[in-house]
Amino acid sequence: MVGTLESLQALRDAIDKALVTGQASSMTAYVNDGEGYVLVVLPQTKEEVDALQTPYTEDFAHPSEPSGKHPSQVVGSDKYRELMRV
């Protein structure tokens, strides 16, 4: 992970909040061209993580029959909209 001191502290704060509350938290992150995105931190059990699809983008890395939820589907749409308001 590479980032400015401020961005890494914001990530640490989002992780700390998720660990303390057991709930999803988020932060807004930016790449060096100014494009922003929301990073969601969500604590999950090992069983929940093991049930996720692998998040690879290359076709050769996907099983022919994906099973489980894609990581982007773990947070419900209402919670995701709430987290987008950071």
Protein backbone atom coordinates (compact mmCIF):
# COMPACT_ATOMS: atom_id res chain seq x y z
CA MET A 1 0.00 0.00 0.00
CA VAL A 2 1.44 3.35 -1.04
CA GLY A 3 -0.01 6.69 -0.03
CA THR A 4 0.56 10.01 1.59
CA LEU A 5 0.81 10.16 5.35
CA GLU A 6 -2.68 11.74 5.44
CA SER A 7 -4.24 9.05 3.25
CA LEU A 8 -2.65 6.22 5.23
CA GLN A 9 -3.92 7.78 8.47
CA ALA A 10 -7.43 8.01 6.97
CA LEU A 11 -7.19 4.33 6.01
CA ARG A 12 -6.01 3.47 9.53
CA ASP A 13 -8.96 5.40 10.96
CA ALA A 14 -11.41 3.52 8.71
CA ILE A 15 -9.88 0.19 9.72
CA ASP A 16 -9.92 1.13 13.42
CA LYS A 17 -13.58 2.15 13.20
CA ALA A 18 -14.51 -1.14 11.52
CA LEU A 19 -12.58 -3.13 14.13
CA VAL A 20 -14.13 -1.29 17.07
CA THR A 21 -17.72 -1.31 15.79
CA GLY A 22 -17.69 -4.58 13.84
CA GLN A 23 -19.51 -2.64 11.10
CA ALA A 24 -18.52 -1.34 7.69
CA SER A 25 -16.70 1.96 7.51
CA SER A 26 -15.34 3.89 4.56
CA MET A 27 -13.01 6.60 3.39
CA THR A 28 -12.55 8.53 0.18
CA ALA A 29 -9.25 7.79 -1.52
CA TYR A 30 -7.64 9.44 -4.55
CA VAL A 31 -5.14 8.28 -7.13
CA ASN A 32 -2.42 10.72 -8.17
CA ASP A 33 -4.46 12.04 -11.13
CA GLY A 34 -7.20 13.23 -8.75
CA GLU A 35 -9.70 10.44 -9.47
CA GLY A 36 -11.53 9.59 -6.26
CA TYR A 37 -13.16 6.41 -5.08
CA VAL A 38 -14.69 5.13 -1.87
CA LEU A 39 -12.78 2.42 -0.05
CA VAL A 40 -15.01 0.25 2.16
CA VAL A 41 -13.61 -1.63 5.16
CA LEU A 42 -15.84 -4.48 6.30
CA PRO A 43 -14.94 -7.04 8.98
CA GLN A 44 -15.95 -10.57 7.98
CA THR A 45 -15.47 -14.02 9.50
CA LYS A 46 -13.10 -16.48 7.85
CA GLU A 47 -16.13 -18.47 6.66
CA GLU A 48 -17.66 -15.36 5.06
CA VAL A 49 -14.39 -14.49 3.34
CA ASP A 50 -13.89 -18.08 2.14
CA ALA A 51 -17.37 -17.97 0.55
CA LEU A 52 -16.52 -14.95 -1.63
CA GLN A 53 -15.73 -15.13 -5.31
CA THR A 54 -12.16 -14.34 -6.15
CA PRO A 55 -11.99 -10.71 -7.27
CA TYR A 56 -9.64 -11.27 -10.21
CA THR A 57 -10.26 -9.37 -13.44
CA GLU A 58 -8.54 -11.63 -15.98
CA ASP A 59 -10.78 -14.26 -17.58
CA PHE A 60 -8.21 -17.05 -17.12
CA ALA A 61 -8.27 -16.49 -13.35
CA HIS A 62 -12.01 -17.10 -12.99
CA PRO A 63 -13.58 -20.51 -12.51
CA SER A 64 -16.01 -21.45 -15.27
CA GLU A 65 -18.86 -21.48 -12.73
CA PRO A 66 -18.29 -18.71 -10.17
CA SER A 67 -19.84 -19.37 -6.79
CA GLY A 68 -20.53 -17.14 -3.84
CA LYS A 69 -20.86 -13.38 -3.70
CA HIS A 70 -18.56 -11.00 -5.46
CA PRO A 71 -16.81 -8.84 -2.83
CA SER A 72 -18.66 -5.78 -4.16
CA GLN A 73 -21.97 -7.45 -3.22
CA VAL A 74 -21.16 -8.03 0.45
CA VAL A 75 -22.32 -4.59 1.54
CA GLY A 76 -26.03 -4.18 0.79
CA SER A 77 -27.04 -1.40 -1.60
CA ASP A 78 -28.57 0.77 1.16
CA LYS A 79 -25.44 0.49 3.32
CA TYR A 80 -23.24 1.12 0.28
CA ARG A 81 -25.13 4.35 -0.53
CA GLU A 82 -24.72 5.42 3.11
CA LEU A 83 -20.98 4.70 2.98
CA MET A 84 -20.63 6.66 -0.25
CA ARG A 85 -21.51 9.83 1.69
CA VAL A 86 -18.09 10.07 3.37
